[in-house]
ModelCIF file with pLDDT and N, C-alpha, C, O atoms, coordinates in Angstrom:
data_MODEL
#
_entry.id   MODEL 
#
_entity.id                         1 
_entity.type                       polymer 
_entity.pdbx_number_of_molecules   1 
#
_entity_poly.entity_id                      1 
_entity_poly.type                           'polypeptide(L)' 
_entity_poly.nstd_linkage                   no 
_entity_poly.nstd_monomer                   no 
_entity_poly.pdbx_seq_one_letter_code       
;(UNK)(UNK)(UNK)(UNK)(UNK)(UNK)(UNK)(UNK)(UNK)(UNK)(UNK)(UNK)(UNK)(UNK)(UNK)(UNK)
(UNK)(UNK)(UNK)(UNK)(UNK)(UNK)(UNK)(UNK)(UNK)(UNK)(UNK)(UNK)(UNK)(UNK)(UNK)(UNK)
(UNK)(UNK)(UNK)(UNK)(UNK)(UNK)(UNK)(UNK)(UNK)(UNK)(UNK)(UNK)(UNK)(UNK)(UNK)
;
_entity_poly.pdbx_seq_one_letter_code_can   XXXXXXXXXXXXXXXXXXXXXXXXXXXXXXXXXXXXXXXXXXXXXXX 
_entity_poly.pdbx_strand_id                 A 
#
loop_
_entity_poly_seq.entity_id 
_entity_poly_seq.num 
_entity_poly_seq.mon_id 
_entity_poly_seq.hetero 
1 1  UNK n 
1 2  UNK n 
1 3  UNK n 
1 4  UNK n 
1 5  UNK n 
1 6  UNK n 
1 7  UNK n 
1 8  UNK n 
1 9  UNK n 
1 10 UNK n 
1 11 UNK n 
1 12 UNK n 
1 13 UNK n 
1 14 UNK n 
1 15 UNK n 
1 16 UNK n 
1 17 UNK n 
1 18 UNK n 
1 19 UNK n 
1 20 UNK n 
1 21 UNK n 
1 22 UNK n 
1 23 UNK n 
1 24 UNK n 
1 25 UNK n 
1 26 UNK n 
1 27 UNK n 
1 28 UNK n 
1 29 UNK n 
1 30 UNK n 
1 31 UNK n 
1 32 UNK n 
1 33 UNK n 
1 34 UNK n 
1 35 UNK n 
1 36 UNK n 
1 37 UNK n 
1 38 UNK n 
1 39 UNK n 
1 40 UNK n 
1 41 UNK n 
1 42 UNK n 
1 43 UNK n 
1 44 UNK n 
1 45 UNK n 
1 46 UNK n 
1 47 UNK n 
#
_struct_asym.id          A 
_struct_asym.entity_id   1 
#
loop_
_ma_qa_metric.id 
_ma_qa_metric.mode 
_ma_qa_metric.name 
_ma_qa_metric.software_group_id 
_ma_qa_metric.type 
1 global pLDDT . pLDDT 
2 local  pLDDT . pLDDT 
#
_ma_qa_metric_global.metric_id      1 
_ma_qa_metric_global.metric_value   82.45 
_ma_qa_metric_global.model_id       1 
_ma_qa_metric_global.ordinal_id     1 
#
loop_
_ma_qa_metric_local.label_asym_id 
_ma_qa_metric_local.label_comp_id 
_ma_qa_metric_local.label_seq_id 
_ma_qa_metric_local.metric_id 
_ma_qa_metric_local.metric_value 
_ma_qa_metric_local.model_id 
_ma_qa_metric_local.ordinal_id 
A UNK 1  2 97.00 1 1  
A UNK 2  2 97.00 1 2  
A UNK 3  2 98.00 1 3  
A UNK 4  2 98.00 1 4  
A UNK 5  2 97.00 1 5  
A UNK 6  2 98.00 1 6  
A UNK 7  2 97.00 1 7  
A UNK 8  2 98.00 1 8  
A UNK 9  2 97.00 1 9  
A UNK 10 2 97.00 1 10 
A UNK 11 2 97.00 1 11 
A UNK 12 2 97.00 1 12 
A UNK 13 2 97.00 1 13 
A UNK 14 2 97.00 1 14 
A UNK 15 2 96.00 1 15 
A UNK 16 2 95.00 1 16 
A UNK 17 2 96.00 1 17 
A UNK 18 2 95.00 1 18 
A UNK 19 2 95.00 1 19 
A UNK 20 2 93.00 1 20 
A UNK 21 2 92.00 1 21 
A UNK 22 2 92.00 1 22 
A UNK 23 2 90.00 1 23 
A UNK 24 2 87.00 1 24 
A UNK 25 2 88.00 1 25 
A UNK 26 2 86.00 1 26 
A UNK 27 2 81.00 1 27 
A UNK 28 2 80.00 1 28 
A UNK 29 2 78.00 1 29 
A UNK 30 2 74.00 1 30 
A UNK 31 2 68.00 1 31 
A UNK 32 2 64.00 1 32 
A UNK 33 2 59.00 1 33 
A UNK 34 2 59.00 1 34 
A UNK 35 2 57.00 1 35 
A UNK 36 2 65.00 1 36 
A UNK 37 2 69.00 1 37 
A UNK 38 2 73.00 1 38 
A UNK 39 2 77.00 1 39 
A UNK 40 2 75.00 1 40 
A UNK 41 2 70.00 1 41 
A UNK 42 2 65.00 1 42 
A UNK 43 2 58.00 1 43 
A UNK 44 2 63.00 1 44 
A UNK 45 2 58.00 1 45 
A UNK 46 2 58.00 1 46 
A UNK 47 2 57.00 1 47 
#
loop_
_atom_site.group_PDB 
_atom_site.id 
_atom_site.type_symbol 
_atom_site.label_atom_id 
_atom_site.label_alt_id 
_atom_site.label_comp_id 
_atom_site.label_asym_id 
_atom_site.label_entity_id 
_atom_site.label_seq_id 
_atom_site.pdbx_PDB_ins_code 
_atom_site.Cartn_x 
_atom_site.Cartn_y 
_atom_site.Cartn_z 
_atom_site.occupancy 
_atom_site.B_iso_or_equiv 
_atom_site.pdbx_formal_charge 
_atom_site.auth_seq_id 
_atom_site.auth_comp_id 
_atom_site.auth_asym_id 
_atom_site.auth_atom_id 
_atom_site.pdbx_PDB_model_num 
ATOM 1   N N  . UNK A 1 1  ? -11.447 1.677  -1.480 1.00 97.00 ? 1  UNK A N  1 
ATOM 2   C CA . UNK A 1 1  ? -9.895  1.482  -1.369 1.00 97.00 ? 1  UNK A CA 1 
ATOM 3   C C  . UNK A 1 1  ? -9.222  2.915  -1.141 1.00 97.00 ? 1  UNK A C  1 
ATOM 4   O O  . UNK A 1 1  ? -8.380  3.038  -0.252 1.00 97.00 ? 1  UNK A O  1 
ATOM 5   N N  . UNK A 1 2  ? -9.536  3.836  -1.823 1.00 97.00 ? 2  UNK A N  1 
ATOM 6   C CA . UNK A 1 2  ? -8.953  5.245  -1.708 1.00 97.00 ? 2  UNK A CA 1 
ATOM 7   C C  . UNK A 1 2  ? -9.308  5.702  -0.459 1.00 97.00 ? 2  UNK A C  1 
ATOM 8   O O  . UNK A 1 2  ? -8.340  6.236  0.081  1.00 97.00 ? 2  UNK A O  1 
ATOM 9   N N  . UNK A 1 3  ? -10.323 5.711  0.234  1.00 98.00 ? 3  UNK A N  1 
ATOM 10  C CA . UNK A 1 3  ? -10.710 6.046  1.349  1.00 98.00 ? 3  UNK A CA 1 
ATOM 11  C C  . UNK A 1 3  ? -10.136 5.476  2.624  1.00 98.00 ? 3  UNK A C  1 
ATOM 12  O O  . UNK A 1 3  ? -9.885  6.147  3.625  1.00 98.00 ? 3  UNK A O  1 
ATOM 13  N N  . UNK A 1 4  ? -9.933  4.053  2.483  1.00 98.00 ? 4  UNK A N  1 
ATOM 14  C CA . UNK A 1 4  ? -9.220  3.177  3.483  1.00 98.00 ? 4  UNK A CA 1 
ATOM 15  C C  . UNK A 1 4  ? -7.807  3.613  3.449  1.00 98.00 ? 4  UNK A C  1 
ATOM 16  O O  . UNK A 1 4  ? -7.251  3.893  4.511  1.00 98.00 ? 4  UNK A O  1 
ATOM 17  N N  . UNK A 1 5  ? -7.161  3.699  2.295  1.00 97.00 ? 5  UNK A N  1 
ATOM 18  C CA . UNK A 1 5  ? -5.862  3.958  1.985  1.00 97.00 ? 5  UNK A CA 1 
ATOM 19  C C  . UNK A 1 5  ? -5.463  5.334  2.708  1.00 97.00 ? 5  UNK A C  1 
ATOM 20  O O  . UNK A 1 5  ? -4.504  5.391  3.478  1.00 97.00 ? 5  UNK A O  1 
ATOM 21  N N  . UNK A 1 6  ? -6.240  6.393  2.415  1.00 98.00 ? 6  UNK A N  1 
ATOM 22  C CA . UNK A 1 6  ? -5.945  7.709  3.077  1.00 98.00 ? 6  UNK A CA 1 
ATOM 23  C C  . UNK A 1 6  ? -6.045  7.694  4.593  1.00 98.00 ? 6  UNK A C  1 
ATOM 24  O O  . UNK A 1 6  ? -5.219  8.270  5.301  1.00 98.00 ? 6  UNK A O  1 
ATOM 25  N N  . UNK A 1 7  ? -7.137  6.981  5.092  1.00 97.00 ? 7  UNK A N  1 
ATOM 26  C CA . UNK A 1 7  ? -7.401  6.804  6.596  1.00 97.00 ? 7  UNK A CA 1 
ATOM 27  C C  . UNK A 1 7  ? -6.223  6.081  7.178  1.00 97.00 ? 7  UNK A C  1 
ATOM 28  O O  . UNK A 1 7  ? -5.828  6.472  8.276  1.00 97.00 ? 7  UNK A O  1 
ATOM 29  N N  . UNK A 1 8  ? -5.590  5.053  6.581  1.00 98.00 ? 8  UNK A N  1 
ATOM 30  C CA . UNK A 1 8  ? -4.574  4.344  7.096  1.00 98.00 ? 8  UNK A CA 1 
ATOM 31  C C  . UNK A 1 8  ? -3.235  5.289  7.268  1.00 98.00 ? 8  UNK A C  1 
ATOM 32  O O  . UNK A 1 8  ? -2.545  5.239  8.286  1.00 98.00 ? 8  UNK A O  1 
ATOM 33  N N  . UNK A 1 9  ? -2.959  6.121  6.199  1.00 97.00 ? 9  UNK A N  1 
ATOM 34  C CA . UNK A 1 9  ? -1.782  6.951  6.315  1.00 97.00 ? 9  UNK A CA 1 
ATOM 35  C C  . UNK A 1 9  ? -1.989  8.063  7.270  1.00 97.00 ? 9  UNK A C  1 
ATOM 36  O O  . UNK A 1 9  ? -1.050  8.504  7.932  1.00 97.00 ? 9  UNK A O  1 
ATOM 37  N N  . UNK A 1 10 ? -3.232  8.545  7.361  1.00 97.00 ? 10 UNK A N  1 
ATOM 38  C CA . UNK A 1 10 ? -3.427  9.552  8.469  1.00 97.00 ? 10 UNK A CA 1 
ATOM 39  C C  . UNK A 1 10 ? -3.324  8.927  9.847  1.00 97.00 ? 10 UNK A C  1 
ATOM 40  O O  . UNK A 1 10 ? -2.756  9.546  10.747 1.00 97.00 ? 10 UNK A O  1 
ATOM 41  N N  . UNK A 1 11 ? -3.849  7.727  10.050 1.00 97.00 ? 11 UNK A N  1 
ATOM 42  C CA . UNK A 1 11 ? -3.526  7.085  11.401 1.00 97.00 ? 11 UNK A CA 1 
ATOM 43  C C  . UNK A 1 11 ? -2.205  6.803  11.718 1.00 97.00 ? 11 UNK A C  1 
ATOM 44  O O  . UNK A 1 11 ? -1.717  6.974  12.835 1.00 97.00 ? 11 UNK A O  1 
ATOM 45  N N  . UNK A 1 12 ? -1.541  6.312  10.611 1.00 97.00 ? 12 UNK A N  1 
ATOM 46  C CA . UNK A 1 12 ? -0.001  6.031  10.967 1.00 97.00 ? 12 UNK A CA 1 
ATOM 47  C C  . UNK A 1 12 ? 0.871   7.338  11.214 1.00 97.00 ? 12 UNK A C  1 
ATOM 48  O O  . UNK A 1 12 ? 1.697   7.388  12.125 1.00 97.00 ? 12 UNK A O  1 
ATOM 49  N N  . UNK A 1 13 ? 0.634   8.386  10.344 1.00 97.00 ? 13 UNK A N  1 
ATOM 50  C CA . UNK A 1 13 ? 1.338   9.687  10.889 1.00 97.00 ? 13 UNK A CA 1 
ATOM 51  C C  . UNK A 1 13 ? 0.993   10.142 12.158 1.00 97.00 ? 13 UNK A C  1 
ATOM 52  O O  . UNK A 1 13 ? 1.856   10.581 12.919 1.00 97.00 ? 13 UNK A O  1 
ATOM 53  N N  . UNK A 1 14 ? -0.545  10.062 12.556 1.00 97.00 ? 14 UNK A N  1 
ATOM 54  C CA . UNK A 1 14 ? -0.846  10.545 13.883 1.00 97.00 ? 14 UNK A CA 1 
ATOM 55  C C  . UNK A 1 14 ? -0.146  9.719  14.993 1.00 97.00 ? 14 UNK A C  1 
ATOM 56  O O  . UNK A 1 14 ? 0.405   10.261 15.951 1.00 97.00 ? 14 UNK A O  1 
ATOM 57  N N  . UNK A 1 15 ? -0.200  8.344  14.804 1.00 96.00 ? 15 UNK A N  1 
ATOM 58  C CA . UNK A 1 15 ? 0.488   7.647  15.782 1.00 96.00 ? 15 UNK A CA 1 
ATOM 59  C C  . UNK A 1 15 ? 1.812   7.868  15.968 1.00 96.00 ? 15 UNK A C  1 
ATOM 60  O O  . UNK A 1 15 ? 2.239   7.798  17.121 1.00 96.00 ? 15 UNK A O  1 
ATOM 61  N N  . UNK A 1 16 ? 2.527   8.112  15.106 1.00 95.00 ? 16 UNK A N  1 
ATOM 62  C CA . UNK A 1 16 ? 4.033   8.531  14.971 1.00 95.00 ? 16 UNK A CA 1 
ATOM 63  C C  . UNK A 1 16 ? 4.302   9.832  15.843 1.00 95.00 ? 16 UNK A C  1 
ATOM 64  O O  . UNK A 1 16 ? 5.134   9.925  16.745 1.00 95.00 ? 16 UNK A O  1 
ATOM 65  N N  . UNK A 1 17 ? 3.448   10.797 15.403 1.00 96.00 ? 17 UNK A N  1 
ATOM 66  C CA . UNK A 1 17 ? 3.427   12.035 16.150 1.00 96.00 ? 17 UNK A CA 1 
ATOM 67  C C  . UNK A 1 17 ? 3.076   11.979 17.752 1.00 96.00 ? 17 UNK A C  1 
ATOM 68  O O  . UNK A 1 17 ? 3.662   12.648 18.603 1.00 96.00 ? 17 UNK A O  1 
ATOM 69  N N  . UNK A 1 18 ? 2.090   11.124 17.983 1.00 95.00 ? 18 UNK A N  1 
ATOM 70  C CA . UNK A 1 18 ? 1.828   11.016 19.393 1.00 95.00 ? 18 UNK A CA 1 
ATOM 71  C C  . UNK A 1 18 ? 2.857   10.274 20.070 1.00 95.00 ? 18 UNK A C  1 
ATOM 72  O O  . UNK A 1 18 ? 3.165   10.639 21.205 1.00 95.00 ? 18 UNK A O  1 
ATOM 73  N N  . UNK A 1 19 ? 3.438   9.284  19.544 1.00 95.00 ? 19 UNK A N  1 
ATOM 74  C CA . UNK A 1 19 ? 4.696   8.612  20.165 1.00 95.00 ? 19 UNK A CA 1 
ATOM 75  C C  . UNK A 1 19 ? 5.731   9.542  20.321 1.00 95.00 ? 19 UNK A C  1 
ATOM 76  O O  . UNK A 1 19 ? 6.149   9.690  21.470 1.00 95.00 ? 19 UNK A O  1 
ATOM 77  N N  . UNK A 1 20 ? 6.269   10.242 19.372 1.00 93.00 ? 20 UNK A N  1 
ATOM 78  C CA . UNK A 1 20 ? 7.164   11.399 19.665 1.00 93.00 ? 20 UNK A CA 1 
ATOM 79  C C  . UNK A 1 20 ? 6.857   12.359 20.755 1.00 93.00 ? 20 UNK A C  1 
ATOM 80  O O  . UNK A 1 20 ? 7.717   12.782 21.529 1.00 93.00 ? 20 UNK A O  1 
ATOM 81  N N  . UNK A 1 21 ? 5.599   12.691 20.791 1.00 92.00 ? 21 UNK A N  1 
ATOM 82  C CA . UNK A 1 21 ? 5.176   13.697 21.903 1.00 92.00 ? 21 UNK A CA 1 
ATOM 83  C C  . UNK A 1 21 ? 5.391   12.907 23.298 1.00 92.00 ? 21 UNK A C  1 
ATOM 84  O O  . UNK A 1 21 ? 6.064   13.431 24.186 1.00 92.00 ? 21 UNK A O  1 
ATOM 85  N N  . UNK A 1 22 ? 4.867   11.776 23.450 1.00 92.00 ? 22 UNK A N  1 
ATOM 86  C CA . UNK A 1 22 ? 5.044   11.028 24.614 1.00 92.00 ? 22 UNK A CA 1 
ATOM 87  C C  . UNK A 1 22 ? 6.385   10.815 25.062 1.00 92.00 ? 22 UNK A C  1 
ATOM 88  O O  . UNK A 1 22 ? 6.665   10.894 26.258 1.00 92.00 ? 22 UNK A O  1 
ATOM 89  N N  . UNK A 1 23 ? 7.334   10.520 24.079 1.00 90.00 ? 23 UNK A N  1 
ATOM 90  C CA . UNK A 1 23 ? 8.731   10.319 24.596 1.00 90.00 ? 23 UNK A CA 1 
ATOM 91  C C  . UNK A 1 23 ? 9.445   11.571 25.047 1.00 90.00 ? 23 UNK A C  1 
ATOM 92  O O  . UNK A 1 23 ? 10.215  11.569 26.008 1.00 90.00 ? 23 UNK A O  1 
ATOM 93  N N  . UNK A 1 24 ? 9.139   12.744 24.253 1.00 87.00 ? 24 UNK A N  1 
ATOM 94  C CA . UNK A 1 24 ? 9.495   13.978 24.564 1.00 87.00 ? 24 UNK A CA 1 
ATOM 95  C C  . UNK A 1 24 ? 9.103   14.610 25.922 1.00 87.00 ? 24 UNK A C  1 
ATOM 96  O O  . UNK A 1 24 ? 9.878   15.322 26.559 1.00 87.00 ? 24 UNK A O  1 
ATOM 97  N N  . UNK A 1 25 ? 7.841   14.302 26.324 1.00 88.00 ? 25 UNK A N  1 
ATOM 98  C CA . UNK A 1 25 ? 7.361   14.499 27.591 1.00 88.00 ? 25 UNK A CA 1 
ATOM 99  C C  . UNK A 1 25 ? 7.903   13.761 28.617 1.00 88.00 ? 25 UNK A C  1 
ATOM 100 O O  . UNK A 1 25 ? 8.053   14.274 29.726 1.00 88.00 ? 25 UNK A O  1 
ATOM 101 N N  . UNK A 1 26 ? 8.255   12.477 28.362 1.00 86.00 ? 26 UNK A N  1 
ATOM 102 C CA . UNK A 1 26 ? 8.745   11.635 29.441 1.00 86.00 ? 26 UNK A CA 1 
ATOM 103 C C  . UNK A 1 26 ? 10.210  12.049 29.766 1.00 86.00 ? 26 UNK A C  1 
ATOM 104 O O  . UNK A 1 26 ? 10.694  12.022 30.898 1.00 86.00 ? 26 UNK A O  1 
ATOM 105 N N  . UNK A 1 27 ? 10.893  12.457 28.569 1.00 81.00 ? 27 UNK A N  1 
ATOM 106 C CA . UNK A 1 27 ? 12.409  12.927 28.823 1.00 81.00 ? 27 UNK A CA 1 
ATOM 107 C C  . UNK A 1 27 ? 12.257  14.143 29.493 1.00 81.00 ? 27 UNK A C  1 
ATOM 108 O O  . UNK A 1 27 ? 12.858  14.170 30.567 1.00 81.00 ? 27 UNK A O  1 
ATOM 109 N N  . UNK A 1 28 ? 11.613  15.207 29.185 1.00 80.00 ? 28 UNK A N  1 
ATOM 110 C CA . UNK A 1 28 ? 11.392  16.424 29.863 1.00 80.00 ? 28 UNK A CA 1 
ATOM 111 C C  . UNK A 1 28 ? 10.989  16.325 31.326 1.00 80.00 ? 28 UNK A C  1 
ATOM 112 O O  . UNK A 1 28 ? 11.260  17.222 32.125 1.00 80.00 ? 28 UNK A O  1 
ATOM 113 N N  . UNK A 1 29 ? 10.280  15.118 31.690 1.00 78.00 ? 29 UNK A N  1 
ATOM 114 C CA . UNK A 1 29 ? 9.747   15.046 33.054 1.00 78.00 ? 29 UNK A CA 1 
ATOM 115 C C  . UNK A 1 29 ? 10.908  14.391 33.718 1.00 78.00 ? 29 UNK A C  1 
ATOM 116 O O  . UNK A 1 29 ? 10.710  14.219 34.921 1.00 78.00 ? 29 UNK A O  1 
ATOM 117 N N  . UNK A 1 30 ? 12.015  13.994 33.300 1.00 74.00 ? 30 UNK A N  1 
ATOM 118 C CA . UNK A 1 30 ? 13.101  13.495 34.057 1.00 74.00 ? 30 UNK A CA 1 
ATOM 119 C C  . UNK A 1 30 ? 13.836  14.581 34.763 1.00 74.00 ? 30 UNK A C  1 
ATOM 120 O O  . UNK A 1 30 ? 14.415  14.345 35.823 1.00 74.00 ? 30 UNK A O  1 
ATOM 121 N N  . UNK A 1 31 ? 13.837  15.927 34.141 1.00 68.00 ? 31 UNK A N  1 
ATOM 122 C CA . UNK A 1 31 ? 14.562  17.146 34.497 1.00 68.00 ? 31 UNK A CA 1 
ATOM 123 C C  . UNK A 1 31 ? 16.027  17.128 34.128 1.00 68.00 ? 31 UNK A C  1 
ATOM 124 O O  . UNK A 1 31 ? 16.693  16.110 33.939 1.00 68.00 ? 31 UNK A O  1 
ATOM 125 N N  . UNK A 1 32 ? 16.458  18.403 34.046 1.00 64.00 ? 32 UNK A N  1 
ATOM 126 C CA . UNK A 1 32 ? 17.772  18.376 33.197 1.00 64.00 ? 32 UNK A CA 1 
ATOM 127 C C  . UNK A 1 32 ? 18.831  17.952 34.006 1.00 64.00 ? 32 UNK A C  1 
ATOM 128 O O  . UNK A 1 32 ? 19.867  17.626 33.426 1.00 64.00 ? 32 UNK A O  1 
ATOM 129 N N  . UNK A 1 33 ? 18.778  17.879 35.449 1.00 59.00 ? 33 UNK A N  1 
ATOM 130 C CA . UNK A 1 33 ? 20.047  17.422 36.118 1.00 59.00 ? 33 UNK A CA 1 
ATOM 131 C C  . UNK A 1 33 ? 20.084  16.074 36.218 1.00 59.00 ? 33 UNK A C  1 
ATOM 132 O O  . UNK A 1 33 ? 21.020  15.561 36.831 1.00 59.00 ? 33 UNK A O  1 
ATOM 133 N N  . UNK A 1 34 ? 19.126  15.313 35.663 1.00 59.00 ? 34 UNK A N  1 
ATOM 134 C CA . UNK A 1 34 ? 19.213  13.728 35.826 1.00 59.00 ? 34 UNK A CA 1 
ATOM 135 C C  . UNK A 1 34 ? 19.685  13.147 34.424 1.00 59.00 ? 34 UNK A C  1 
ATOM 136 O O  . UNK A 1 34 ? 19.723  11.921 34.328 1.00 59.00 ? 34 UNK A O  1 
ATOM 137 N N  . UNK A 1 35 ? 20.021  13.862 33.413 1.00 57.00 ? 35 UNK A N  1 
ATOM 138 C CA . UNK A 1 35 ? 20.399  13.261 32.294 1.00 57.00 ? 35 UNK A CA 1 
ATOM 139 C C  . UNK A 1 35 ? 21.852  13.360 32.123 1.00 57.00 ? 35 UNK A C  1 
ATOM 140 O O  . UNK A 1 35 ? 22.371  14.465 31.969 1.00 57.00 ? 35 UNK A O  1 
ATOM 141 N N  . UNK A 1 36 ? 22.599  12.198 32.142 1.00 65.00 ? 36 UNK A N  1 
ATOM 142 C CA . UNK A 1 36 ? 23.954  12.075 32.184 1.00 65.00 ? 36 UNK A CA 1 
ATOM 143 C C  . UNK A 1 36 ? 24.563  11.295 30.953 1.00 65.00 ? 36 UNK A C  1 
ATOM 144 O O  . UNK A 1 36 ? 24.235  10.117 30.813 1.00 65.00 ? 36 UNK A O  1 
ATOM 145 N N  . UNK A 1 37 ? 25.299  11.790 30.188 1.00 69.00 ? 37 UNK A N  1 
ATOM 146 C CA . UNK A 1 37 ? 25.922  11.260 29.153 1.00 69.00 ? 37 UNK A CA 1 
ATOM 147 C C  . UNK A 1 37 ? 27.309  10.994 29.403 1.00 69.00 ? 37 UNK A C  1 
ATOM 148 O O  . UNK A 1 37 ? 27.952  11.949 29.841 1.00 69.00 ? 37 UNK A O  1 
ATOM 149 N N  . UNK A 1 38 ? 28.015  9.735  29.195 1.00 73.00 ? 38 UNK A N  1 
ATOM 150 C CA . UNK A 1 38 ? 29.339  9.484  29.551 1.00 73.00 ? 38 UNK A CA 1 
ATOM 151 C C  . UNK A 1 38 ? 29.840  8.604  28.345 1.00 73.00 ? 38 UNK A C  1 
ATOM 152 O O  . UNK A 1 38 ? 29.119  7.996  27.553 1.00 73.00 ? 38 UNK A O  1 
ATOM 153 N N  . UNK A 1 39 ? 31.271  8.655  28.359 1.00 77.00 ? 39 UNK A N  1 
ATOM 154 C CA . UNK A 1 39 ? 31.861  7.921  27.336 1.00 77.00 ? 39 UNK A CA 1 
ATOM 155 C C  . UNK A 1 39 ? 32.539  6.762  28.005 1.00 77.00 ? 39 UNK A C  1 
ATOM 156 O O  . UNK A 1 39 ? 32.810  6.818  29.204 1.00 77.00 ? 39 UNK A O  1 
ATOM 157 N N  . UNK A 1 40 ? 32.790  5.835  27.356 1.00 75.00 ? 40 UNK A N  1 
ATOM 158 C CA . UNK A 1 40 ? 33.559  4.513  27.952 1.00 75.00 ? 40 UNK A CA 1 
ATOM 159 C C  . UNK A 1 40 ? 35.088  4.814  27.484 1.00 75.00 ? 40 UNK A C  1 
ATOM 160 O O  . UNK A 1 40 ? 35.353  5.117  26.320 1.00 75.00 ? 40 UNK A O  1 
ATOM 161 N N  . UNK A 1 41 ? 35.988  4.707  28.426 1.00 70.00 ? 41 UNK A N  1 
ATOM 162 C CA . UNK A 1 41 ? 37.459  4.906  28.157 1.00 70.00 ? 41 UNK A CA 1 
ATOM 163 C C  . UNK A 1 41 ? 37.873  3.519  28.235 1.00 70.00 ? 41 UNK A C  1 
ATOM 164 O O  . UNK A 1 41 ? 37.449  2.703  29.053 1.00 70.00 ? 41 UNK A O  1 
ATOM 165 N N  . UNK A 1 42 ? 38.873  3.274  27.175 1.00 65.00 ? 42 UNK A N  1 
ATOM 166 C CA . UNK A 1 42 ? 39.666  2.113  27.155 1.00 65.00 ? 42 UNK A CA 1 
ATOM 167 C C  . UNK A 1 42 ? 40.915  2.163  27.482 1.00 65.00 ? 42 UNK A C  1 
ATOM 168 O O  . UNK A 1 42 ? 41.565  3.007  26.866 1.00 65.00 ? 42 UNK A O  1 
ATOM 169 N N  . UNK A 1 43 ? 41.540  1.460  28.347 1.00 58.00 ? 43 UNK A N  1 
ATOM 170 C CA . UNK A 1 43 ? 43.097  1.479  28.702 1.00 58.00 ? 43 UNK A CA 1 
ATOM 171 C C  . UNK A 1 43 ? 43.756  0.203  27.954 1.00 58.00 ? 43 UNK A C  1 
ATOM 172 O O  . UNK A 1 43 ? 43.478  -0.954 28.269 1.00 58.00 ? 43 UNK A O  1 
ATOM 173 N N  . UNK A 1 44 ? 44.543  0.506  27.062 1.00 63.00 ? 44 UNK A N  1 
ATOM 174 C CA . UNK A 1 44 ? 45.169  -0.410 26.192 1.00 63.00 ? 44 UNK A CA 1 
ATOM 175 C C  . UNK A 1 44 ? 46.504  -0.910 26.842 1.00 63.00 ? 44 UNK A C  1 
ATOM 176 O O  . UNK A 1 44 ? 47.478  -0.166 26.733 1.00 63.00 ? 44 UNK A O  1 
ATOM 177 N N  . UNK A 1 45 ? 46.646  -2.136 27.528 1.00 58.00 ? 45 UNK A N  1 
ATOM 178 C CA . UNK A 1 45 ? 47.970  -2.596 27.904 1.00 58.00 ? 45 UNK A CA 1 
ATOM 179 C C  . UNK A 1 45 ? 48.232  -1.904 29.296 1.00 58.00 ? 45 UNK A C  1 
ATOM 180 O O  . UNK A 1 45 ? 49.376  -1.938 29.747 1.00 58.00 ? 45 UNK A O  1 
ATOM 181 N N  . UNK A 1 46 ? 47.265  -1.303 29.969 1.00 58.00 ? 46 UNK A N  1 
ATOM 182 C CA . UNK A 1 46 ? 47.423  -0.798 31.338 1.00 58.00 ? 46 UNK A CA 1 
ATOM 183 C C  . UNK A 1 46 ? 46.383  -1.293 32.204 1.00 58.00 ? 46 UNK A C  1 
ATOM 184 O O  . UNK A 1 46 ? 45.208  -1.381 31.846 1.00 58.00 ? 46 UNK A O  1 
ATOM 185 N N  . UNK A 1 47 ? 46.851  -1.646 33.444 1.00 57.00 ? 47 UNK A N  1 
ATOM 186 C CA . UNK A 1 47 ? 45.703  -2.003 34.476 1.00 57.00 ? 47 UNK A CA 1 
ATOM 187 C C  . UNK A 1 47 ? 45.940  -1.018 35.697 1.00 57.00 ? 47 UNK A C  1 
ATOM 188 O O  . UNK A 1 47 ? 45.193  -1.056 36.675 1.00 57.00 ? 47 UNK A O  1 
#
């Protein structure tokens, strides 16, 4: 039980770190000029 528990924790942490690295590599692969952040403006009472 102790061996299985330790192995499960190690695998969970490794999977999380692998997913983080994959997402970071996909974002960096987009390039810096392709990432755009914008806000939504709301016009109250005006059209």
